[in-house]
Amino acid sequence: SDADFIRYSRQVLLPEVGEAGQLQLADAGVAIIGLGGLGQLAAQY
């Protein structure tokens, strides 16, 4: 969407990501086990 293109524009600019890659991330799922120093920051990123 226009809003998402603006939000993720810095990532989409990377040829390794592009719009197709950003859509791929939107389809992805990640399990984070442990929400301490590592997990809480990784979850935000």
All heavy atoms as atom14 arrays in JSON, in Angstrom:
{
  "sequence": "SDADFIRYSRQVLLPEVGEAGQLQLADAGVAIIGLGGLGQLAAQY",
  "atom14_mask": [
    [1, 1, 1, 1, 1, 1, 0, 0, 0, 0, 0, 0, 0, 0],
    [1, 1, 1, 1, 1, 1, 1, 1, 0, 0, 0, 0, 0, 0],
    [1, 1, 1, 1, 1, 0, 0, 0, 0, 0, 0, 0, 0, 0],
    [1, 1, 1, 1, 1, 1, 1, 1, 0, 0, 0, 0, 0, 0],
    [1, 1, 1, 1, 1, 1, 1, 1, 1, 1, 1, 0, 0, 0],
    [1, 1, 1, 1, 1, 1, 1, 1, 0, 0, 0, 0, 0, 0],
    [1, 1, 1, 1, 1, 1, 1, 1, 1, 1, 1, 0, 0, 0],
    [1, 1, 1, 1, 1, 1, 1, 1, 1, 1, 1, 1, 0, 0],
    [1, 1, 1, 1, 1, 1, 0, 0, 0, 0, 0, 0, 0, 0],
    [1, 1, 1, 1, 1, 1, 1, 1, 1, 1, 1, 0, 0, 0],
    [1, 1, 1, 1, 1, 1, 1, 1, 1, 0, 0, 0, 0, 0],
    [1, 1, 1, 1, 1, 1, 1, 0, 0, 0, 0, 0, 0, 0],
    [1, 1, 1, 1, 1, 1, 1, 1, 0, 0, 0, 0, 0, 0],
    [1, 1, 1, 1, 1, 1, 1, 1, 0, 0, 0, 0, 0, 0],
    [1, 1, 1, 1, 1, 1, 1, 0, 0, 0, 0, 0, 0, 0],
    [1, 1, 1, 1, 1, 1, 1, 1, 1, 0, 0, 0, 0, 0],
    [1, 1, 1, 1, 1, 1, 1, 0, 0, 0, 0, 0, 0, 0],
    [1, 1, 1, 1, 0, 0, 0, 0, 0, 0, 0, 0, 0, 0],
    [1, 1, 1, 1, 1, 1, 1, 1, 1, 0, 0, 0, 0, 0],
    [1, 1, 1, 1, 1, 0, 0, 0, 0, 0, 0, 0, 0, 0],
    [1, 1, 1, 1, 0, 0, 0, 0, 0, 0, 0, 0, 0, 0],
    [1, 1, 1, 1, 1, 1, 1, 1, 1, 0, 0, 0, 0, 0],
    [1, 1, 1, 1, 1, 1, 1, 1, 0, 0, 0, 0, 0, 0],
    [1, 1, 1, 1, 1, 1, 1, 1, 1, 0, 0, 0, 0, 0],
    [1, 1, 1, 1, 1, 1, 1, 1, 0, 0, 0, 0, 0, 0],
    [1, 1, 1, 1, 1, 0, 0, 0, 0, 0, 0, 0, 0, 0],
    [1, 1, 1, 1, 1, 1, 1, 1, 0, 0, 0, 0, 0, 0],
    [1, 1, 1, 1, 1, 0, 0, 0, 0, 0, 0, 0, 0, 0],
    [1, 1, 1, 1, 0, 0, 0, 0, 0, 0, 0, 0, 0, 0],
    [1, 1, 1, 1, 1, 1, 1, 0, 0, 0, 0, 0, 0, 0],
    [1, 1, 1, 1, 1, 0, 0, 0, 0, 0, 0, 0, 0, 0],
    [1, 1, 1, 1, 1, 1, 1, 1, 0, 0, 0, 0, 0, 0],
    [1, 1, 1, 1, 1, 1, 1, 1, 0, 0, 0, 0, 0, 0],
    [1, 1, 1, 1, 0, 0, 0, 0, 0, 0, 0, 0, 0, 0],
    [1, 1, 1, 1, 1, 1, 1, 1, 0, 0, 0, 0, 0, 0],
    [1, 1, 1, 1, 0, 0, 0, 0, 0, 0, 0, 0, 0, 0],
    [1, 1, 1, 1, 0, 0, 0, 0, 0, 0, 0, 0, 0, 0],
    [1, 1, 1, 1, 1, 1, 1, 1, 0, 0, 0, 0, 0, 0],
    [1, 1, 1, 1, 0, 0, 0, 0, 0, 0, 0, 0, 0, 0],
    [1, 1, 1, 1, 1, 1, 1, 1, 1, 0, 0, 0, 0, 0],
    [1, 1, 1, 1, 1, 1, 1, 1, 0, 0, 0, 0, 0, 0],
    [1, 1, 1, 1, 1, 0, 0, 0, 0, 0, 0, 0, 0, 0],
    [1, 1, 1, 1, 1, 0, 0, 0, 0, 0, 0, 0, 0, 0],
    [1, 1, 1, 1, 1, 1, 1, 1, 1, 0, 0, 0, 0, 0],
    [1, 1, 1, 1, 1, 1, 1, 1, 1, 1, 1, 1, 0, 0]
  ],
  "atom14_positions": [
    [[0.84, -1.18, 0.0], [0.0, 0.0, 0.0], [0.89, 1.24, 0.0], [2.09, 1.17, 0.28], [-0.9, 0.02, 1.23], [-0.11, 0.16, 2.4], [0.0, 0.0, 0.0], [0.0, 0.0, 0.0], [0.0, 0.0, 0.0], [0.0, 0.0, 0.0], [0.0, 0.0, 0.0], [0.0, 0.0, 0.0], [0.0, 0.0, 0.0], [0.0, 0.0, 0.0]],
    [[0.31, 2.38, -0.31], [1.08, 3.62, -0.28], [1.68, 3.85, 1.1], [2.84, 4.25, 1.24], [0.19, 4.81, -0.66], [-0.19, 4.8, -2.13], [0.49, 4.12, -2.92], [-1.17, 5.48, -2.5], [0.0, 0.0, 0.0], [0.0, 0.0, 0.0], [0.0, 0.0, 0.0], [0.0, 0.0, 0.0], [0.0, 0.0, 0.0], [0.0, 0.0, 0.0]],
    [[0.88, 3.6, 2.14], [1.35, 3.83, 3.5], [2.52, 2.91, 3.84], [3.51, 3.33, 4.44], [0.2, 3.62, 4.49], [0.0, 0.0, 0.0], [0.0, 0.0, 0.0], [0.0, 0.0, 0.0], [0.0, 0.0, 0.0], [0.0, 0.0, 0.0], [0.0, 0.0, 0.0], [0.0, 0.0, 0.0], [0.0, 0.0, 0.0], [0.0, 0.0, 0.0]],
    [[2.42, 1.64, 3.45], [3.5, 0.7, 3.73], [4.73, 0.99, 2.9], [5.86, 0.81, 3.36], [3.03, -0.73, 3.47], [2.15, -1.27, 4.58], [2.11, -0.65, 5.66], [1.49, -2.3, 4.37], [0.0, 0.0, 0.0], [0.0, 0.0, 0.0], [0.0, 0.0, 0.0], [0.0, 0.0, 0.0], [0.0, 0.0, 0.0], [0.0, 0.0, 0.0]],
    [[4.53, 1.45, 1.67], [5.68, 1.79, 0.85], [6.48, 2.93, 1.5], [7.71, 2.91, 1.51], [5.24, 2.2, -0.55], [6.37, 2.24, -1.54], [6.68, 1.11, -2.29], [7.14, 3.38, -1.71], [7.74, 1.14, -3.19], [8.19, 3.41, -2.61], [8.49, 2.28, -3.35], [0.0, 0.0, 0.0], [0.0, 0.0, 0.0], [0.0, 0.0, 0.0]],
    [[5.79, 3.89, 2.06], [6.46, 4.99, 2.74], [7.13, 4.5, 4.02], [8.27, 4.82, 4.33], [5.47, 6.13, 3.05], [4.96, 6.76, 1.75], [6.11, 7.18, 3.95], [3.83, 7.74, 1.95], [0.0, 0.0, 0.0], [0.0, 0.0, 0.0], [0.0, 0.0, 0.0], [0.0, 0.0, 0.0], [0.0, 0.0, 0.0], [0.0, 0.0, 0.0]],
    [[6.4, 3.69, 4.8], [6.92, 3.19, 6.07], [8.22, 2.4, 5.88], [9.18, 2.56, 6.63], [5.87, 2.32, 6.76], [6.34, 1.7, 8.08], [5.27, 0.8, 8.67], [4.14, 1.55, 9.14], [4.01, 2.07, 10.38], [4.98, 1.89, 11.25], [2.95, 2.75, 10.72], [0.0, 0.0, 0.0], [0.0, 0.0, 0.0], [0.0, 0.0, 0.0]],
    [[8.24, 1.52, 4.89], [9.39, 0.63, 4.71], [10.3, 1.07, 3.56], [11.08, 0.27, 3.04], [8.88, -0.79, 4.44], [7.97, -1.31, 5.52], [6.63, -1.61, 5.25], [8.42, -1.48, 6.82], [5.78, -2.07, 6.24], [7.59, -1.94, 7.82], [6.26, -2.23, 7.52], [5.43, -2.68, 8.52], [0.0, 0.0, 0.0], [0.0, 0.0, 0.0]],
    [[10.21, 2.33, 3.18], [10.92, 2.8, 1.99], [12.43, 2.58, 2.07], [13.06, 2.25, 1.06], [10.63, 4.29, 1.75], [11.02, 5.07, 2.87], [0.0, 0.0, 0.0], [0.0, 0.0, 0.0], [0.0, 0.0, 0.0], [0.0, 0.0, 0.0], [0.0, 0.0, 0.0], [0.0, 0.0, 0.0], [0.0, 0.0, 0.0], [0.0, 0.0, 0.0]],
    [[13.02, 2.74, 3.26], [14.48, 2.56, 3.35], [14.88, 1.11, 3.12], [15.96, 0.84, 2.62], [14.99, 3.03, 4.72], [14.74, 4.51, 5.01], [15.38, 5.42, 3.98], [15.24, 6.83, 4.33], [14.22, 7.6, 4.02], [13.19, 7.09, 3.31], [14.17, 8.87, 4.38], [0.0, 0.0, 0.0], [0.0, 0.0, 0.0], [0.0, 0.0, 0.0]],
    [[14.01, 0.18, 3.52], [14.3, -1.23, 3.24], [14.03, -1.56, 1.79], [14.81, -2.26, 1.14], [13.44, -2.14, 4.14], [13.76, -2.02, 5.61], [12.86, -2.87, 6.49], [12.98, -2.82, 7.7], [11.95, -3.64, 5.92], [0.0, 0.0, 0.0], [0.0, 0.0, 0.0], [0.0, 0.0, 0.0], [0.0, 0.0, 0.0], [0.0, 0.0, 0.0]],
    [[12.93, -1.05, 1.25], [12.55, -1.35, -0.13], [13.59, -0.83, -1.11], [13.79, -1.4, -2.19], [11.16, -0.75, -0.43], [10.79, -0.9, -1.9], [10.1, -1.42, 0.45], [0.0, 0.0, 0.0], [0.0, 0.0, 0.0], [0.0, 0.0, 0.0], [0.0, 0.0, 0.0], [0.0, 0.0, 0.0], [0.0, 0.0, 0.0], [0.0, 0.0, 0.0]],
    [[14.3, 0.25, -0.74], [15.34, 0.79, -1.61], [16.48, -0.2, -1.83], [17.18, -0.13, -2.84], [15.89, 2.09, -1.03], [15.03, 3.35, -1.21], [15.6, 4.5, -0.4], [14.93, 3.73, -2.68], [0.0, 0.0, 0.0], [0.0, 0.0, 0.0], [0.0, 0.0, 0.0], [0.0, 0.0, 0.0], [0.0, 0.0, 0.0], [0.0, 0.0, 0.0]],
    [[16.69, -1.11, -0.9], [17.76, -2.1, -1.05], [17.39, -3.09, -2.15], [16.3, -3.67, -2.11], [17.98, -2.84, 0.26], [18.53, -2.03, 1.43], [18.43, -2.84, 2.72], [19.97, -1.63, 1.16], [0.0, 0.0, 0.0], [0.0, 0.0, 0.0], [0.0, 0.0, 0.0], [0.0, 0.0, 0.0], [0.0, 0.0, 0.0], [0.0, 0.0, 0.0]],
    [[18.26, -3.3, -3.12], [17.94, -4.26, -4.18], [17.74, -5.67, -3.64], [17.03, -6.48, -4.25], [19.14, -4.18, -5.13], [20.24, -3.58, -4.32], [19.58, -2.66, -3.34], [0.0, 0.0, 0.0], [0.0, 0.0, 0.0], [0.0, 0.0, 0.0], [0.0, 0.0, 0.0], [0.0, 0.0, 0.0], [0.0, 0.0, 0.0], [0.0, 0.0, 0.0]],
    [[18.34, -5.99, -2.49], [18.17, -7.31, -1.89], [16.8, -7.47, -1.24], [16.43, -8.58, -0.84], [19.26, -7.58, -0.85], [20.65, -7.71, -1.4], [21.34, -6.36, -1.64], [20.71, -5.32, -1.38], [22.49, -6.36, -2.09], [0.0, 0.0, 0.0], [0.0, 0.0, 0.0], [0.0, 0.0, 0.0], [0.0, 0.0, 0.0], [0.0, 0.0, 0.0]],
    [[16.07, -6.37, -1.1], [14.74, -6.42, -0.49], [13.68, -6.11, -1.55], [12.97, -6.99, -2.02], [14.62, -5.45, 0.7], [13.23, -5.56, 1.33], [15.7, -5.73, 1.74], [0.0, 0.0, 0.0], [0.0, 0.0, 0.0], [0.0, 0.0, 0.0], [0.0, 0.0, 0.0], [0.0, 0.0, 0.0], [0.0, 0.0, 0.0], [0.0, 0.0, 0.0]],
    [[13.61, -4.85, -1.96], [12.61, -4.46, -2.95], [11.2, -4.66, -2.43], [10.98, -5.06, -1.29], [0.0, 0.0, 0.0], [0.0, 0.0, 0.0], [0.0, 0.0, 0.0], [0.0, 0.0, 0.0], [0.0, 0.0, 0.0], [0.0, 0.0, 0.0], [0.0, 0.0, 0.0], [0.0, 0.0, 0.0], [0.0, 0.0, 0.0], [0.0, 0.0, 0.0]],
    [[10.23, -4.41, -3.28], [8.83, -4.57, -2.87], [8.49, -6.04, -2.64], [7.78, -6.4, -1.7], [7.9, -3.97, -3.91], [6.44, -3.99, -3.47], [5.55, -3.21, -4.41], [6.02, -2.79, -5.5], [4.37, -3.01, -4.07], [0.0, 0.0, 0.0], [0.0, 0.0, 0.0], [0.0, 0.0, 0.0], [0.0, 0.0, 0.0], [0.0, 0.0, 0.0]],
    [[9.02, -6.91, -3.5], [8.74, -8.33, -3.35], [9.28, -8.87, -2.03], [8.63, -9.67, -1.35], [9.35, -9.11, -4.52], [0.0, 0.0, 0.0], [0.0, 0.0, 0.0], [0.0, 0.0, 0.0], [0.0, 0.0, 0.0], [0.0, 0.0, 0.0], [0.0, 0.0, 0.0], [0.0, 0.0, 0.0], [0.0, 0.0, 0.0], [0.0, 0.0, 0.0]],
    [[10.47, -8.42, -1.65], [11.05, -8.86, -0.39], [10.26, -8.36, 0.81], [10.08, -9.09, 1.79], [0.0, 0.0, 0.0], [0.0, 0.0, 0.0], [0.0, 0.0, 0.0], [0.0, 0.0, 0.0], [0.0, 0.0, 0.0], [0.0, 0.0, 0.0], [0.0, 0.0, 0.0], [0.0, 0.0, 0.0], [0.0, 0.0, 0.0], [0.0, 0.0, 0.0]],
    [[9.8, -7.12, 0.72], [9.0, -6.58, 1.82], [7.7, -7.35, 1.99], [7.24, -7.62, 3.1], [8.71, -5.1, 1.59], [8.14, -4.39, 2.8], [9.09, -4.38, 3.98], [10.26, -4.0, 3.85], [8.62, -4.84, 5.12], [0.0, 0.0, 0.0], [0.0, 0.0, 0.0], [0.0, 0.0, 0.0], [0.0, 0.0, 0.0], [0.0, 0.0, 0.0]],
    [[7.09, -7.73, 0.88], [5.89, -8.55, 0.94], [6.2, -9.93, 1.51], [5.39, -10.52, 2.22], [5.28, -8.67, -0.45], [4.64, -7.39, -1.01], [4.37, -7.54, -2.5], [3.36, -7.05, -0.26], [0.0, 0.0, 0.0], [0.0, 0.0, 0.0], [0.0, 0.0, 0.0], [0.0, 0.0, 0.0], [0.0, 0.0, 0.0], [0.0, 0.0, 0.0]],
    [[7.39, -10.42, 1.22], [7.82, -11.71, 1.75], [7.94, -11.65, 3.27], [7.56, -12.6, 3.97], [9.17, -12.07, 1.12], [9.6, -13.51, 1.29], [10.7, -13.86, 0.32], [10.46, -14.13, -0.85], [11.93, -13.82, 0.79], [0.0, 0.0, 0.0], [0.0, 0.0, 0.0], [0.0, 0.0, 0.0], [0.0, 0.0, 0.0], [0.0, 0.0, 0.0]],
    [[8.47, -10.54, 3.79], [8.56, -10.36, 5.24], [7.18, -10.3, 5.86], [6.95, -10.84, 6.96], [9.34, -9.08, 5.57], [10.82, -9.05, 5.2], [11.43, -7.69, 5.55], [11.59, -10.16, 5.9], [0.0, 0.0, 0.0], [0.0, 0.0, 0.0], [0.0, 0.0, 0.0], [0.0, 0.0, 0.0], [0.0, 0.0, 0.0], [0.0, 0.0, 0.0]],
    [[6.25, -9.67, 5.17], [4.88, -9.56, 5.69], [4.21, -10.92, 5.8], [3.31, -11.12, 6.62], [4.05, -8.63, 4.8], [0.0, 0.0, 0.0], [0.0, 0.0, 0.0], [0.0, 0.0, 0.0], [0.0, 0.0, 0.0], [0.0, 0.0, 0.0], [0.0, 0.0, 0.0], [0.0, 0.0, 0.0], [0.0, 0.0, 0.0], [0.0, 0.0, 0.0]],
    [[4.63, -11.87, 4.97], [4.07, -13.22, 5.0], [4.77, -14.11, 6.02], [4.29, -15.21, 6.31], [4.21, -13.88, 3.62], [3.19, -13.34, 2.63], [2.18, -12.77, 3.05], [3.43, -13.51, 1.41], [0.0, 0.0, 0.0], [0.0, 0.0, 0.0], [0.0, 0.0, 0.0], [0.0, 0.0, 0.0], [0.0, 0.0, 0.0], [0.0, 0.0, 0.0]],
    [[5.91, -13.67, 6.54], [6.77, -14.53, 7.36], [6.29, -14.62, 8.8], [5.57, -13.75, 9.31], [8.2, -14.02, 7.31], [0.0, 0.0, 0.0], [0.0, 0.0, 0.0], [0.0, 0.0, 0.0], [0.0, 0.0, 0.0], [0.0, 0.0, 0.0], [0.0, 0.0, 0.0], [0.0, 0.0, 0.0], [0.0, 0.0, 0.0], [0.0, 0.0, 0.0]],
    [[6.73, -15.68, 9.47], [6.45, -15.87, 10.88], [7.72, -16.2, 11.65], [8.55, -16.98, 11.18], [0.0, 0.0, 0.0], [0.0, 0.0, 0.0], [0.0, 0.0, 0.0], [0.0, 0.0, 0.0], [0.0, 0.0, 0.0], [0.0, 0.0, 0.0], [0.0, 0.0, 0.0], [0.0, 0.0, 0.0], [0.0, 0.0, 0.0], [0.0, 0.0, 0.0]],
    [[7.87, -15.61, 12.83], [9.06, -15.82, 13.65], [8.63, -16.12, 15.07], [7.79, -15.41, 15.64], [9.99, -14.58, 13.64], [11.18, -14.8, 14.57], [10.47, -14.28, 12.22], [0.0, 0.0, 0.0], [0.0, 0.0, 0.0], [0.0, 0.0, 0.0], [0.0, 0.0, 0.0], [0.0, 0.0, 0.0], [0.0, 0.0, 0.0], [0.0, 0.0, 0.0]],
    [[9.22, -17.16, 15.66], [9.02, -17.45, 17.07], [10.24, -16.98, 17.84], [11.38, -17.33, 17.48], [8.8, -18.94, 17.29], [0.0, 0.0, 0.0], [0.0, 0.0, 0.0], [0.0, 0.0, 0.0], [0.0, 0.0, 0.0], [0.0, 0.0, 0.0], [0.0, 0.0, 0.0], [0.0, 0.0, 0.0], [0.0, 0.0, 0.0], [0.0, 0.0, 0.0]],
    [[10.03, -16.17, 18.87], [11.12, -15.66, 19.7], [10.97, -16.28, 21.08], [9.99, -16.04, 21.77], [11.1, -14.13, 19.78], [11.23, -13.51, 18.39], [12.22, -13.63, 20.7], [11.14, -12.0, 18.38], [0.0, 0.0, 0.0], [0.0, 0.0, 0.0], [0.0, 0.0, 0.0], [0.0, 0.0, 0.0], [0.0, 0.0, 0.0], [0.0, 0.0, 0.0]],
    [[11.95, -17.08, 21.46], [11.91, -17.76, 22.75], [12.87, -17.05, 23.7], [14.08, -17.05, 23.48], [12.27, -19.24, 22.59], [11.4, -19.89, 21.52], [12.11, -19.97, 23.93], [11.8, -21.31, 21.17], [0.0, 0.0, 0.0], [0.0, 0.0, 0.0], [0.0, 0.0, 0.0], [0.0, 0.0, 0.0], [0.0, 0.0, 0.0], [0.0, 0.0, 0.0]],
    [[12.29, -16.42, 24.72], [13.06, -15.61, 25.65], [12.89, -14.14, 25.33], [13.31, -13.69, 24.26], [0.0, 0.0, 0.0], [0.0, 0.0, 0.0], [0.0, 0.0, 0.0], [0.0, 0.0, 0.0], [0.0, 0.0, 0.0], [0.0, 0.0, 0.0], [0.0, 0.0, 0.0], [0.0, 0.0, 0.0], [0.0, 0.0, 0.0], [0.0, 0.0, 0.0]],
    [[12.25, -13.4, 26.23], [12.0, -11.97, 25.99], [12.82, -11.12, 26.95], [12.35, -10.1, 27.46], [10.5, -11.66, 26.14], [9.63, -11.83, 24.88], [10.07, -10.85, 23.8], [9.64, -13.25, 24.36], [0.0, 0.0, 0.0], [0.0, 0.0, 0.0], [0.0, 0.0, 0.0], [0.0, 0.0, 0.0], [0.0, 0.0, 0.0], [0.0, 0.0, 0.0]],
    [[14.06, -11.53, 27.16], [14.97, -10.76, 27.99], [15.73, -9.75, 27.15], [15.2, -9.16, 26.22], [0.0, 0.0, 0.0], [0.0, 0.0, 0.0], [0.0, 0.0, 0.0], [0.0, 0.0, 0.0], [0.0, 0.0, 0.0], [0.0, 0.0, 0.0], [0.0, 0.0, 0.0], [0.0, 0.0, 0.0], [0.0, 0.0, 0.0], [0.0, 0.0, 0.0]],
    [[17.02, -9.56, 27.47], [17.8, -8.54, 26.79], [17.85, -8.74, 25.29], [17.73, -7.78, 24.52], [0.0, 0.0, 0.0], [0.0, 0.0, 0.0], [0.0, 0.0, 0.0], [0.0, 0.0, 0.0], [0.0, 0.0, 0.0], [0.0, 0.0, 0.0], [0.0, 0.0, 0.0], [0.0, 0.0, 0.0], [0.0, 0.0, 0.0], [0.0, 0.0, 0.0]],
    [[18.04, -9.96, 24.83], [18.08, -10.23, 23.4], [16.69, -10.22, 22.78], [16.45, -9.56, 21.77], [18.74, -11.59, 23.16], [20.21, -11.75, 23.56], [20.62, -13.22, 23.45], [21.11, -10.89, 22.7], [0.0, 0.0, 0.0], [0.0, 0.0, 0.0], [0.0, 0.0, 0.0], [0.0, 0.0, 0.0], [0.0, 0.0, 0.0], [0.0, 0.0, 0.0]],
    [[15.78, -10.97, 23.36], [14.49, -11.18, 22.73], [13.61, -9.96, 22.62], [12.96, -9.75, 21.59], [0.0, 0.0, 0.0], [0.0, 0.0, 0.0], [0.0, 0.0, 0.0], [0.0, 0.0, 0.0], [0.0, 0.0, 0.0], [0.0, 0.0, 0.0], [0.0, 0.0, 0.0], [0.0, 0.0, 0.0], [0.0, 0.0, 0.0], [0.0, 0.0, 0.0]],
    [[13.6, -9.11, 23.66], [12.73, -7.94, 23.6], [13.19, -6.95, 22.55], [12.38, -6.27, 21.92], [12.61, -7.27, 24.98], [13.93, -6.9, 25.66], [14.53, -5.58, 25.18], [13.79, -4.65, 24.86], [15.84, -5.51, 25.14], [0.0, 0.0, 0.0], [0.0, 0.0, 0.0], [0.0, 0.0, 0.0], [0.0, 0.0, 0.0], [0.0, 0.0, 0.0]],
    [[14.5, -6.88, 22.31], [15.0, -5.97, 21.28], [14.81, -6.58, 19.89], [14.4, -5.89, 18.95], [16.47, -5.65, 21.52], [17.11, -4.64, 20.56], [16.31, -3.34, 20.53], [18.55, -4.34, 20.96], [0.0, 0.0, 0.0], [0.0, 0.0, 0.0], [0.0, 0.0, 0.0], [0.0, 0.0, 0.0], [0.0, 0.0, 0.0], [0.0, 0.0, 0.0]],
    [[15.08, -7.87, 19.75], [14.87, -8.54, 18.47], [13.4, -8.46, 18.06], [13.09, -8.26, 16.88], [15.31, -10.0, 18.55], [0.0, 0.0, 0.0], [0.0, 0.0, 0.0], [0.0, 0.0, 0.0], [0.0, 0.0, 0.0], [0.0, 0.0, 0.0], [0.0, 0.0, 0.0], [0.0, 0.0, 0.0], [0.0, 0.0, 0.0], [0.0, 0.0, 0.0]],
    [[12.51, -8.6, 19.02], [11.07, -8.51, 18.73], [10.72, -7.14, 18.17], [9.92, -7.02, 17.22], [10.26, -8.8, 19.99], [0.0, 0.0, 0.0], [0.0, 0.0, 0.0], [0.0, 0.0, 0.0], [0.0, 0.0, 0.0], [0.0, 0.0, 0.0], [0.0, 0.0, 0.0], [0.0, 0.0, 0.0], [0.0, 0.0, 0.0], [0.0, 0.0, 0.0]],
    [[11.3, -6.09, 18.72], [11.03, -4.73, 18.23], [11.56, -4.56, 16.82], [10.88, -4.01, 15.94], [11.66, -3.71, 19.17], [11.03, -3.66, 20.55], [11.73, -2.68, 21.47], [11.57, -1.46, 21.33], [12.52, -3.21, 22.38], [0.0, 0.0, 0.0], [0.0, 0.0, 0.0], [0.0, 0.0, 0.0], [0.0, 0.0, 0.0], [0.0, 0.0, 0.0]],
    [[12.79, -4.99, 16.59], [13.39, -4.86, 15.26], [12.54, -5.57, 14.21], [12.26, -5.03, 13.13], [14.8, -5.44, 15.25], [15.88, -4.44, 15.54], [16.78, -4.65, 16.58], [16.03, -3.29, 14.77], [17.79, -3.73, 16.85], [17.03, -2.37, 15.04], [17.9, -2.59, 16.08], [18.89, -1.69, 16.34], [0.0, 0.0, 0.0], [0.0, 0.0, 0.0]]
  ]
}
